[in-house]
Amino acid sequence: MWNRLKRLFRSIFGGLIDSAEDPELILQQIIRDMNDEVPKMRNNVAQVMATEKRLEREIQANQAKLTDIDNKIKAAIRTGHDDIATTLIGEMQLAQRALDTSKQNYEQAKAASIKAREFLDNYMAQVRRRQAEAMQLIAASKQAQMQERMAQTMASFQLGDTSQTFDDMREKIANRSANAEARAELASTSLDARMQGIDKELANIEAQDMLLAYKQQMGLLPDAAKPALGEGAPAGNSERTLGAAETAPQDRNKALE
């Protein structure tokens, strides 16, 4: 049970940490940390080099002291002060051992200084390389963020739903057009429309009758073409004469002359 709980907590908090980590911020912090280490490294190298310089001056001082003691020993011997010369020889021996120790320490400090400078140079090269790599990763992170935003935008623009909307609107317009055509067709087949058709047919028949009357009066029709009374032609039209209002256009012109 405890192992299951630990696994659960690790999965929960691990996911939260992963989601909270921003690669760009982390890489920038790493660059700052590396830059902060540079002054410390320089300070350490400077201390090692300072030790080398101090031991070098110490060697020069011991050599000068040995030279001075050597001159004093020679002077004491010339003046017959062998006891003083013996004492100076003891001091010279101590100075010689100090010089040897200083030379040994100087060699060690010199080697340490060379290694420290090499380490600093390598560290600075690594810092520059890491900084360049971090900048490339930051640029890649920004590119990935832009692609994520583009993907989210494209996901929010649901092309399928929009296409369905277009299809729905197209179908709605087609239904309206079909309804309008059906209503027009229904209106054309209604009683009013049929009555209008009958009126038009009656008006056409009357116009044909008047045309025949004109032609009969003008003598443009043969006798065989004149309908006899009671043979299908209307009684009123068989002996019909044109009144004043119905005078043929040619007769009206003659009257005017």
Protein backbone atom coordinates (compact mmCIF):
# COMPACT_ATOMS: atom_id res chain seq x y z
CA MET A 1 0.00 0.00 0.00
CA TRP A 2 2.77 2.42 0.93
CA ASN A 3 4.56 1.78 -2.34
CA ARG A 4 1.36 2.48 -4.24
CA LEU A 5 0.89 5.75 -2.37
CA LYS A 6 4.47 6.81 -3.08
CA ARG A 7 4.03 5.96 -6.74
CA LEU A 8 0.80 7.98 -6.81
CA PHE A 9 2.40 11.03 -5.16
CA ARG A 10 5.39 10.85 -7.45
CA SER A 11 3.17 10.69 -10.52
CA ILE A 12 1.07 13.65 -9.33
CA PHE A 13 3.90 15.93 -8.23
CA GLY A 14 6.12 14.82 -11.09
CA GLY A 15 3.45 15.85 -13.56
CA LEU A 16 2.99 19.19 -11.79
CA ILE A 17 6.73 19.84 -11.87
CA ASP A 18 6.99 18.90 -15.53
CA SER A 19 4.11 21.21 -16.43
CA ALA A 20 5.56 24.05 -14.33
CA GLU A 21 9.08 23.81 -15.76
CA ASP A 22 9.77 26.39 -18.43
CA PRO A 23 12.83 25.36 -20.49
CA GLU A 24 13.60 28.94 -21.43
CA LEU A 25 13.61 30.16 -17.81
CA ILE A 26 15.66 27.18 -16.61
CA LEU A 27 18.28 27.65 -19.33
CA GLN A 28 18.53 31.37 -18.60
CA GLN A 29 19.05 30.56 -14.92
CA ILE A 30 21.81 28.09 -15.81
CA ILE A 31 23.55 30.77 -17.87
CA ARG A 32 23.33 33.20 -14.94
CA ASP A 33 24.73 30.57 -12.54
CA MET A 34 27.66 29.87 -14.84
CA ASN A 35 28.37 33.59 -15.22
CA ASP A 36 28.23 33.98 -11.44
CA GLU A 37 30.90 31.29 -11.07
CA VAL A 38 33.34 33.12 -13.34
CA PRO A 39 34.38 35.77 -10.76
CA LYS A 40 34.89 33.06 -8.13
CA MET A 41 37.07 31.06 -10.49
CA ARG A 42 39.10 34.13 -11.36
CA ASN A 43 39.56 34.92 -7.68
CA ASN A 44 40.83 31.39 -6.94
CA VAL A 45 43.27 31.51 -9.84
CA ALA A 46 44.44 34.94 -8.73
CA GLN A 47 45.17 33.58 -5.23
CA VAL A 48 47.23 30.71 -6.64
CA MET A 49 49.15 33.11 -8.85
CA ALA A 50 49.67 35.43 -5.88
CA THR A 51 51.23 32.54 -3.92
CA GLU A 52 53.55 31.91 -6.85
CA LYS A 53 54.57 35.60 -6.94
CA ARG A 54 55.11 35.71 -3.15
CA LEU A 55 57.35 32.63 -3.21
CA GLU A 56 59.27 34.12 -6.11
CA ARG A 57 59.98 37.29 -4.11
CA GLU A 58 60.84 35.14 -1.08
CA ILE A 59 63.42 33.26 -3.13
CA GLN A 60 64.93 36.53 -4.29
CA ALA A 61 65.09 37.76 -0.68
CA ASN A 62 66.74 34.53 0.56
CA GLN A 63 69.28 34.68 -2.24
CA ALA A 64 70.08 38.28 -1.34
CA LYS A 65 70.40 37.29 2.33
CA LEU A 66 72.77 34.43 1.46
CA THR A 67 74.88 36.78 -0.61
CA ASP A 68 75.05 39.24 2.28
CA ILE A 69 75.96 36.50 4.81
CA ASP A 70 78.59 35.17 2.45
CA ASN A 71 80.18 38.61 2.22
CA LYS A 72 80.15 38.96 6.00
CA ILE A 73 81.77 35.56 6.51
CA LYS A 74 84.54 36.49 4.14
CA ALA A 75 85.07 39.81 5.94
CA ALA A 76 85.17 38.14 9.37
CA ILE A 77 87.74 35.62 8.17
CA ARG A 78 89.93 38.38 6.72
CA THR A 79 89.82 40.31 9.99
CA GLY A 80 90.62 37.20 12.04
CA HIS A 81 87.20 36.90 13.66
CA ASP A 82 86.73 33.21 13.18
CA ASP A 83 84.08 33.00 15.91
CA ILE A 84 81.92 35.55 14.09
CA ALA A 85 82.52 33.75 10.83
CA THR A 86 81.40 30.49 12.44
CA THR A 87 78.19 32.11 13.70
CA LEU A 88 77.52 33.60 10.28
CA ILE A 89 78.08 30.21 8.68
CA GLY A 90 75.29 28.82 10.91
CA GLU A 91 72.97 31.62 9.78
CA MET A 92 73.90 30.97 6.17
CA GLN A 93 72.97 27.32 6.55
CA LEU A 94 69.54 28.28 7.90
CA ALA A 95 69.06 30.77 5.05
CA GLN A 96 70.09 28.12 2.54
CA ARG A 97 67.50 25.66 3.88
CA ALA A 98 64.87 28.42 3.77
CA LEU A 99 65.85 29.16 0.18
CA ASP A 100 65.58 25.50 -0.77
CA THR A 101 62.14 25.29 0.85
CA SER A 102 61.02 28.44 -0.91
CA LYS A 103 62.22 27.09 -4.26
CA GLN A 104 60.36 23.83 -3.68
CA ASN A 105 57.16 25.66 -2.71
CA TYR A 106 57.60 27.98 -5.66
CA GLU A 107 57.77 25.09 -8.09
CA GLN A 108 54.61 23.60 -6.61
CA ALA A 109 52.86 26.99 -6.69
CA LYS A 110 54.00 27.55 -10.27
CA ALA A 111 52.58 24.17 -11.34
CA ALA A 112 49.36 24.90 -9.46
CA SER A 113 49.14 28.31 -11.11
CA ILE A 114 49.52 26.78 -14.56
CA LYS A 115 46.80 24.22 -13.82
CA ALA A 116 44.52 26.92 -12.39
CA ARG A 117 44.91 29.08 -15.49
CA GLU A 118 44.24 26.07 -17.72
CA PHE A 119 41.17 25.19 -15.66
CA LEU A 120 39.93 28.79 -15.92
CA ASP A 121 40.47 28.82 -19.68
CA ASN A 122 38.64 25.49 -20.04
CA TYR A 123 35.83 26.73 -17.82
CA MET A 124 35.45 29.93 -19.85
CA ALA A 125 35.39 27.91 -23.08
CA GLN A 126 32.76 25.63 -21.55
CA VAL A 127 30.73 28.66 -20.44
CA ARG A 128 30.80 30.09 -23.95
CA ARG A 129 29.88 26.72 -25.45
CA ARG A 130 27.07 26.19 -22.96
CA GLN A 131 25.79 29.70 -23.50
CA ALA A 132 25.68 29.17 -27.27
CA GLU A 133 23.94 25.83 -26.77
CA ALA A 134 21.49 27.39 -24.31
CA MET A 135 20.67 30.18 -26.77
CA GLN A 136 19.97 27.58 -29.46
CA LEU A 137 17.74 25.64 -27.07
CA ILE A 138 15.94 28.84 -26.08
CA ALA A 139 15.33 29.63 -29.75
CA ALA A 140 14.05 26.08 -30.27
CA SER A 141 11.83 26.47 -27.19
CA LYS A 142 10.34 29.69 -28.58
CA GLN A 143 9.76 27.95 -31.91
CA ALA A 144 8.04 25.07 -30.11
CA GLN A 145 5.85 27.52 -28.16
CA MET A 146 4.85 29.25 -31.39
CA GLN A 147 3.99 25.90 -32.95
CA GLU A 148 1.95 24.99 -29.86
CA ARG A 149 0.00 28.25 -30.08
CA MET A 150 -0.57 27.66 -33.80
CA ALA A 151 -1.76 24.13 -33.08
CA GLN A 152 -4.12 25.42 -30.40
CA THR A 153 -5.45 28.05 -32.80
CA MET A 154 -6.00 25.47 -35.50
CA ALA A 155 -7.63 23.15 -32.99
CA SER A 156 -9.97 25.93 -31.82
CA PHE A 157 -10.94 26.56 -35.47
CA GLN A 158 -12.89 23.37 -36.02
CA LEU A 159 -13.09 23.01 -39.76
CA GLY A 160 -15.56 20.13 -39.54
CA ASP A 161 -18.07 22.15 -37.53
CA THR A 162 -17.75 25.07 -39.94
CA SER A 163 -18.28 22.78 -42.91
CA GLN A 164 -21.36 21.36 -41.23
CA THR A 165 -22.63 24.91 -40.73
CA PHE A 166 -22.14 25.64 -44.42
CA ASP A 167 -23.99 22.45 -45.31
CA ASP A 168 -26.83 23.36 -42.95
CA MET A 169 -27.14 26.86 -44.44
CA ARG A 170 -27.02 25.45 -47.97
CA GLU A 171 -29.81 23.00 -47.14
CA LYS A 172 -31.85 25.74 -45.49
CA ILE A 173 -31.57 27.98 -48.56
CA ALA A 174 -32.50 25.07 -50.84
CA ASN A 175 -35.56 24.36 -48.67
CA ARG A 176 -36.62 28.01 -48.87
CA SER A 177 -36.25 27.99 -52.64
CA ALA A 178 -38.24 24.76 -52.93
CA ASN A 179 -40.98 26.16 -50.67
CA ALA A 180 -41.15 29.32 -52.77
CA GLU A 181 -41.43 27.30 -55.99
CA ALA A 182 -44.12 25.08 -54.46
CA ARG A 183 -46.14 28.09 -53.33
CA ALA A 184 -45.84 29.68 -56.77
CA GLU A 185 -46.97 26.45 -58.43
CA LEU A 186 -49.84 26.11 -55.98
CA ALA A 187 -50.87 29.70 -56.63
CA SER A 188 -50.82 29.11 -60.38
CA THR A 189 -53.17 26.10 -60.04
CA SER A 190 -55.62 27.81 -57.66
CA LEU A 191 -59.20 28.81 -58.57
CA ASP A 192 -58.28 32.47 -59.07
CA ALA A 193 -55.52 31.51 -61.48
CA ARG A 194 -57.90 29.23 -63.41
CA MET A 195 -60.53 31.96 -63.55
CA GLN A 196 -57.92 34.33 -64.89
CA GLY A 197 -57.10 31.76 -67.56
CA ILE A 198 -60.80 31.48 -68.51
CA ASP A 199 -61.11 35.27 -68.70
CA LYS A 200 -58.14 35.39 -71.00
CA GLU A 201 -59.63 32.67 -73.20
CA LEU A 202 -63.00 34.54 -73.39
CA ALA A 203 -61.24 37.74 -74.30
CA ASN A 204 -59.36 35.89 -77.02
CA ILE A 205 -62.60 34.39 -78.40
CA GLU A 206 -64.26 37.82 -78.50
CA ALA A 207 -61.25 39.24 -80.28
CA GLN A 208 -61.45 36.44 -82.90
CA ASP A 209 -65.20 37.08 -83.37
CA MET A 210 -64.65 40.80 -83.93
CA LEU A 211 -61.84 39.98 -86.36
CA LEU A 212 -64.23 37.79 -88.40
CA ALA A 213 -66.88 40.52 -88.27
CA TYR A 214 -64.38 43.04 -89.63
CA LYS A 215 -63.38 40.71 -92.42
CA GLN A 216 -67.05 39.92 -93.31
CA GLN A 217 -68.02 43.58 -93.43
CA MET A 218 -65.03 44.36 -95.56
CA GLY A 219 -65.85 41.49 -97.90
CA LEU A 220 -62.59 39.79 -97.28
CA LEU A 221 -64.22 36.44 -96.53
CA PRO A 222 -65.91 34.25 -99.15
CA ASP A 223 -69.55 33.30 -98.66
CA ALA A 224 -68.64 29.72 -97.82
CA ALA A 225 -66.50 30.98 -94.97
CA LYS A 226 -69.46 32.96 -93.52
CA PRO A 227 -71.14 30.89 -90.88
CA ALA A 228 -74.82 30.30 -91.40
CA LEU A 229 -77.31 31.08 -88.72
CA GLY A 230 -77.82 28.16 -86.41
CA GLU A 231 -74.77 26.26 -87.82
CA GLY A 232 -72.52 26.75 -84.88
CA ALA A 233 -72.03 30.48 -84.99
CA PRO A 234 -73.77 32.58 -82.39
CA ALA A 235 -77.08 34.08 -83.50
CA GLY A 236 -76.07 37.49 -82.41
CA ASN A 237 -72.92 37.37 -84.47
CA SER A 238 -74.45 36.05 -87.77
CA GLU A 239 -76.27 39.27 -88.67
CA ARG A 240 -74.06 41.46 -86.51
CA THR A 241 -73.22 44.88 -87.87
CA LEU A 242 -70.69 47.18 -86.46
CA GLY A 243 -72.05 50.15 -84.60
CA ALA A 244 -70.63 53.58 -84.47
CA ALA A 245 -68.23 52.56 -81.76
CA GLU A 246 -67.36 49.38 -83.64
CA THR A 247 -66.84 50.89 -87.09
CA ALA A 248 -63.95 49.37 -88.93
CA PRO A 249 -60.85 51.51 -89.13
CA GLN A 250 -61.14 51.90 -92.95
CA ASP A 251 -64.79 53.08 -92.67
CA ARG A 252 -63.81 55.62 -90.08
CA ASN A 253 -61.13 56.93 -92.37
CA LYS A 254 -63.65 57.28 -95.26
CA ALA A 255 -66.03 59.15 -92.99
CA LEU A 256 -63.32 61.54 -92.05
CA GLU A 257 -62.58 62.22 -95.76
